[in-house]
Amino acid sequence: MQEAVTLLAAASDQQGPGDTLRIVLLVSIVGAALLAWFLLRGYRDNDHKD
């Protein structure tokens, strides 16, 4: 039992790319949504001006 606790404690000290990957994915999704909104915003008014 003591060995399992020691292994879990050692594994919890090693932080992988989890937080960094989560931040990169969040920023990418928000950036893609803003880019899509910005690009589609220009096409919305052009259809009715002809």
PDB file of N, CA and C in Angstrom:
ATOM      1  N   MET A   1       0.824  -1.195   0.000  1.00  0.00           N
ATOM      2  CA  MET A   1       0.000   0.000   0.000  1.00  0.00           C
ATOM      3  C   MET A   1       0.866   1.256   0.000  1.00  0.00           C
ATOM      4  N   GLN A   2       1.935   1.223   0.744  1.00  0.00           N
ATOM      5  CA  GLN A   2       2.829   2.379   0.810  1.00  0.00           C
ATOM      6  C   GLN A   2       3.475   2.634  -0.550  1.00  0.00           C
ATOM      7  N   GLU A   3       3.759   1.568  -1.290  1.00  0.00           N
ATOM      8  CA  GLU A   3       4.369   1.735  -2.616  1.00  0.00           C
ATOM      9  C   GLU A   3       3.398   2.406  -3.576  1.00  0.00           C
ATOM     10  N   ALA A   4       2.134   2.079  -3.482  1.00  0.00           N
ATOM     11  CA  ALA A   4       1.133   2.689  -4.362  1.00  0.00           C
ATOM     12  C   ALA A   4       0.997   4.183  -4.064  1.00  0.00           C
ATOM     13  N   VAL A   5       1.020   4.526  -2.790  1.00  0.00           N
ATOM     14  CA  VAL A   5       0.930   5.943  -2.418  1.00  0.00           C
ATOM     15  C   VAL A   5       2.153   6.696  -2.921  1.00  0.00           C
ATOM     16  N   THR A   6       3.312   6.066  -2.818  1.00  0.00           N
ATOM     17  CA  THR A   6       4.539   6.697  -3.302  1.00  0.00           C
ATOM     18  C   THR A   6       4.494   6.893  -4.814  1.00  0.00           C
ATOM     19  N   LEU A   7       4.000   5.905  -5.548  1.00  0.00           N
ATOM     20  CA  LEU A   7       3.895   6.020  -7.008  1.00  0.00           C
ATOM     21  C   LEU A   7       2.897   7.098  -7.404  1.00  0.00           C
ATOM     22  N   LEU A   8       1.769   7.175  -6.703  1.00  0.00           N
ATOM     23  CA  LEU A   8       0.780   8.201  -7.020  1.00  0.00           C
ATOM     24  C   LEU A   8       1.308   9.600  -6.713  1.00  0.00           C
ATOM     25  N   ALA A   9       2.054   9.737  -5.636  1.00  0.00           N
ATOM     26  CA  ALA A   9       2.630  11.038  -5.289  1.00  0.00           C
ATOM     27  C   ALA A   9       3.667  11.459  -6.322  1.00  0.00           C
ATOM     28  N   ALA A  10       4.454  10.508  -6.799  1.00  0.00           N
ATOM     29  CA  ALA A  10       5.459  10.826  -7.819  1.00  0.00           C
ATOM     30  C   ALA A  10       4.794  11.186  -9.142  1.00  0.00           C
ATOM     31  N   ALA A  11       3.699  10.506  -9.469  1.00  0.00           N
ATOM     32  CA  ALA A  11       3.013  10.784 -10.731  1.00  0.00           C
ATOM     33  C   ALA A  11       2.325  12.142 -10.684  1.00  0.00           C
ATOM     34  N   SER A  12       1.847  12.554  -9.508  1.00  0.00           N
ATOM     35  CA  SER A  12       1.154  13.835  -9.424  1.00  0.00           C
ATOM     36  C   SER A  12       2.128  15.005  -9.521  1.00  0.00           C
ATOM     37  N   ASP A  13       3.397  14.782  -9.215  1.00  0.00           N
ATOM     38  CA  ASP A  13       4.392  15.851  -9.334  1.00  0.00           C
ATOM     39  C   ASP A  13       4.749  16.138 -10.786  1.00  0.00           C
ATOM     40  N   GLN A  14       4.579  15.163 -11.644  1.00  0.00           N
ATOM     41  CA  GLN A  14       4.948  15.330 -13.052  1.00  0.00           C
ATOM     42  C   GLN A  14       3.751  15.880 -13.814  1.00  0.00           C
ATOM     43  N   GLN A  15       3.747  17.183 -14.005  1.00  0.00           N
ATOM     44  CA  GLN A  15       2.673  17.806 -14.767  1.00  0.00           C
ATOM     45  C   GLN A  15       3.024  17.732 -16.247  1.00  0.00           C
ATOM     46  N   GLY A  16       2.182  17.110 -17.008  1.00  0.00           N
ATOM     47  CA  GLY A  16       2.407  16.991 -18.442  1.00  0.00           C
ATOM     48  C   GLY A  16       1.912  18.236 -19.158  1.00  0.00           C
ATOM     49  N   PRO A  17       1.665  18.105 -20.439  1.00  0.00           N
ATOM     50  CA  PRO A  17       1.204  19.245 -21.226  1.00  0.00           C
ATOM     51  C   PRO A  17      -0.291  19.497 -21.095  1.00  0.00           C
ATOM     52  N   GLY A  18      -0.915  18.973 -20.053  1.00  0.00           N
ATOM     53  CA  GLY A  18      -2.367  19.072 -19.920  1.00  0.00           C
ATOM     54  C   GLY A  18      -2.873  20.499 -19.864  1.00  0.00           C
ATOM     55  N   ASP A  19      -2.332  21.321 -18.966  1.00  0.00           N
ATOM     56  CA  ASP A  19      -2.795  22.705 -18.845  1.00  0.00           C
ATOM     57  C   ASP A  19      -2.459  23.511 -20.087  1.00  0.00           C
ATOM     58  N   THR A  20      -1.260  23.336 -20.593  1.00  0.00           N
ATOM     59  CA  THR A  20      -0.846  24.074 -21.792  1.00  0.00           C
ATOM     60  C   THR A  20      -1.703  23.688 -22.986  1.00  0.00           C
ATOM     61  N   LEU A  21      -1.953  22.396 -23.144  1.00  0.00           N
ATOM     62  CA  LEU A  21      -2.773  21.932 -24.259  1.00  0.00           C
ATOM     63  C   LEU A  21      -4.203  22.440 -24.132  1.00  0.00           C
ATOM     64  N   ARG A  22      -4.717  22.482 -22.927  1.00  0.00           N
ATOM     65  CA  ARG A  22      -6.070  22.989 -22.698  1.00  0.00           C
ATOM     66  C   ARG A  22      -6.162  24.465 -23.063  1.00  0.00           C
ATOM     67  N   ILE A  23      -5.155  25.245 -22.708  1.00  0.00           N
ATOM     68  CA  ILE A  23      -5.152  26.670 -23.031  1.00  0.00           C
ATOM     69  C   ILE A  23      -5.031  26.884 -24.534  1.00  0.00           C
ATOM     70  N   VAL A  24      -4.157  26.117 -25.184  1.00  0.00           N
ATOM     71  CA  VAL A  24      -3.985  26.250 -26.632  1.00  0.00           C
ATOM     72  C   VAL A  24      -5.271  25.901 -27.364  1.00  0.00           C
ATOM     73  N   LEU A  25      -5.949  24.842 -26.949  1.00  0.00           N
ATOM     74  CA  LEU A  25      -7.207  24.467 -27.594  1.00  0.00           C
ATOM     75  C   LEU A  25      -8.279  25.529 -27.375  1.00  0.00           C
ATOM     76  N   LEU A  26      -8.364  26.062 -26.175  1.00  0.00           N
ATOM     77  CA  LEU A  26      -9.367  27.081 -25.893  1.00  0.00           C
ATOM     78  C   LEU A  26      -9.125  28.340 -26.721  1.00  0.00           C
ATOM     79  N   VAL A  27      -7.873  28.777 -26.783  1.00  0.00           N
ATOM     80  CA  VAL A  27      -7.546  29.970 -27.566  1.00  0.00           C
ATOM     81  C   VAL A  27      -7.791  29.717 -29.050  1.00  0.00           C
ATOM     82  N   SER A  28      -7.501  28.521 -29.530  1.00  0.00           N
ATOM     83  CA  SER A  28      -7.732  28.201 -30.938  1.00  0.00           C
ATOM     84  C   SER A  28      -9.219  28.222 -31.281  1.00  0.00           C
ATOM     85  N   ILE A  29     -10.030  27.663 -30.407  1.00  0.00           N
ATOM     86  CA  ILE A  29     -11.472  27.633 -30.667  1.00  0.00           C
ATOM     87  C   ILE A  29     -12.054  29.038 -30.641  1.00  0.00           C
ATOM     88  N   VAL A  30     -11.658  29.835 -29.656  1.00  0.00           N
ATOM     89  CA  VAL A  30     -12.150  31.214 -29.576  1.00  0.00           C
ATOM     90  C   VAL A  30     -11.655  32.021 -30.779  1.00  0.00           C
ATOM     91  N   GLY A  31     -10.406  31.822 -31.157  1.00  0.00           N
ATOM     92  CA  GLY A  31      -9.869  32.529 -32.318  1.00  0.00           C
ATOM     93  C   GLY A  31     -10.565  32.148 -33.605  1.00  0.00           C
ATOM     94  N   ALA A  32     -10.872  30.876 -33.776  1.00  0.00           N
ATOM     95  CA  ALA A  32     -11.586  30.428 -34.979  1.00  0.00           C
ATOM     96  C   ALA A  32     -12.994  31.003 -35.018  1.00  0.00           C
ATOM     97  N   ALA A  33     -13.653  31.061 -33.867  1.00  0.00           N
ATOM     98  CA  ALA A  33     -15.000  31.626 -33.819  1.00  0.00           C
ATOM     99  C   ALA A  33     -14.971  33.118 -34.153  1.00  0.00           C
ATOM    100  N   LEU A  34     -14.004  33.839 -33.608  1.00  0.00           N
ATOM    101  CA  LEU A  34     -13.891  35.271 -33.916  1.00  0.00           C
ATOM    102  C   LEU A  34     -13.541  35.511 -35.382  1.00  0.00           C
ATOM    103  N   LEU A  35     -12.675  34.690 -35.929  1.00  0.00           N
ATOM    104  CA  LEU A  35     -12.312  34.824 -37.341  1.00  0.00           C
ATOM    105  C   LEU A  35     -13.512  34.555 -38.236  1.00  0.00           C
ATOM    106  N   ALA A  36     -14.278  33.512 -37.918  1.00  0.00           N
ATOM    107  CA  ALA A  36     -15.474  33.198 -38.708  1.00  0.00           C
ATOM    108  C   ALA A  36     -16.486  34.334 -38.616  1.00  0.00           C
ATOM    109  N   TRP A  37     -16.680  34.877 -37.413  1.00  0.00           N
ATOM    110  CA  TRP A  37     -17.617  35.985 -37.254  1.00  0.00           C
ATOM    111  C   TRP A  37     -17.155  37.197 -38.048  1.00  0.00           C
ATOM    112  N   PHE A  38     -15.862  37.490 -38.006  1.00  0.00           N
ATOM    113  CA  PHE A  38     -15.334  38.653 -38.715  1.00  0.00           C
ATOM    114  C   PHE A  38     -15.475  38.494 -40.228  1.00  0.00           C
ATOM    115  N   LEU A  39     -15.197  37.305 -40.737  1.00  0.00           N
ATOM    116  CA  LEU A  39     -15.292  37.087 -42.183  1.00  0.00           C
ATOM    117  C   LEU A  39     -16.733  37.063 -42.652  1.00  0.00           C
ATOM    118  N   LEU A  40     -17.612  36.425 -41.894  1.00  0.00           N
ATOM    119  CA  LEU A  40     -19.009  36.334 -42.310  1.00  0.00           C
ATOM    120  C   LEU A  40     -19.760  37.646 -42.120  1.00  0.00           C
ATOM    121  N   ARG A  41     -19.271  38.514 -41.247  1.00  0.00           N
ATOM    122  CA  ARG A  41     -19.909  39.804 -41.006  1.00  0.00           C
ATOM    123  C   ARG A  41     -19.908  40.656 -42.268  1.00  0.00           C
ATOM    124  N   GLY A  42     -18.843  40.579 -43.046  1.00  0.00           N
ATOM    125  CA  GLY A  42     -18.753  41.371 -44.268  1.00  0.00           C
ATOM    126  C   GLY A  42     -19.681  40.887 -45.360  1.00  0.00           C
ATOM    127  N   TYR A  43     -20.015  39.618 -45.374  1.00  0.00           N
ATOM    128  CA  TYR A  43     -20.880  39.076 -46.423  1.00  0.00           C
ATOM    129  C   TYR A  43     -22.352  39.275 -46.115  1.00  0.00           C
ATOM    130  N   ARG A  44     -22.695  39.587 -44.886  1.00  0.00           N
ATOM    131  CA  ARG A  44     -24.090  39.682 -44.492  1.00  0.00           C
ATOM    132  C   ARG A  44     -24.787  40.864 -45.181  1.00  0.00           C
ATOM    133  N   ASP A  45     -24.132  42.019 -45.232  1.00  0.00           N
ATOM    134  CA  ASP A  45     -24.776  43.208 -45.778  1.00  0.00           C
ATOM    135  C   ASP A  45     -24.662  43.308 -47.303  1.00  0.00           C
ATOM    136  N   ASN A  46     -23.730  42.624 -47.900  1.00  0.00           N
ATOM    137  CA  ASN A  46     -23.503  42.760 -49.338  1.00  0.00           C
ATOM    138  C   ASN A  46     -24.612  42.122 -50.163  1.00  0.00           C
ATOM    139  N   ASP A  47     -25.344  41.176 -49.630  1.00  0.00           N
ATOM    140  CA  ASP A  47     -26.401  40.518 -50.406  1.00  0.00           C
ATOM    141  C   ASP A  47     -27.597  41.433 -50.647  1.00  0.00           C
ATOM    142  N   HIS A  48     -27.852  42.387 -49.771  1.00  0.00           N
ATOM    143  CA  HIS A  48     -29.048  43.208 -49.860  1.00  0.00           C
ATOM    144  C   HIS A  48     -28.800  44.545 -50.553  1.00  0.00           C
ATOM    145  N   LYS A  49     -27.566  44.866 -50.887  1.00  0.00           N
ATOM    146  CA  LYS A  49     -27.260  46.160 -51.490  1.00  0.00           C
ATOM    147  C   LYS A  49     -27.387  46.150 -53.010  1.00  0.00           C
ATOM    148  N   ASP A  50     -27.498  44.989 -53.625  1.00  0.00           N
ATOM    149  CA  ASP A  50     -27.571  44.929 -55.099  1.00  0.00           C
ATOM    150  C   ASP A  50     -28.903  45.385 -55.629  1.00  0.00           C
TER     151      ASP A  50
END
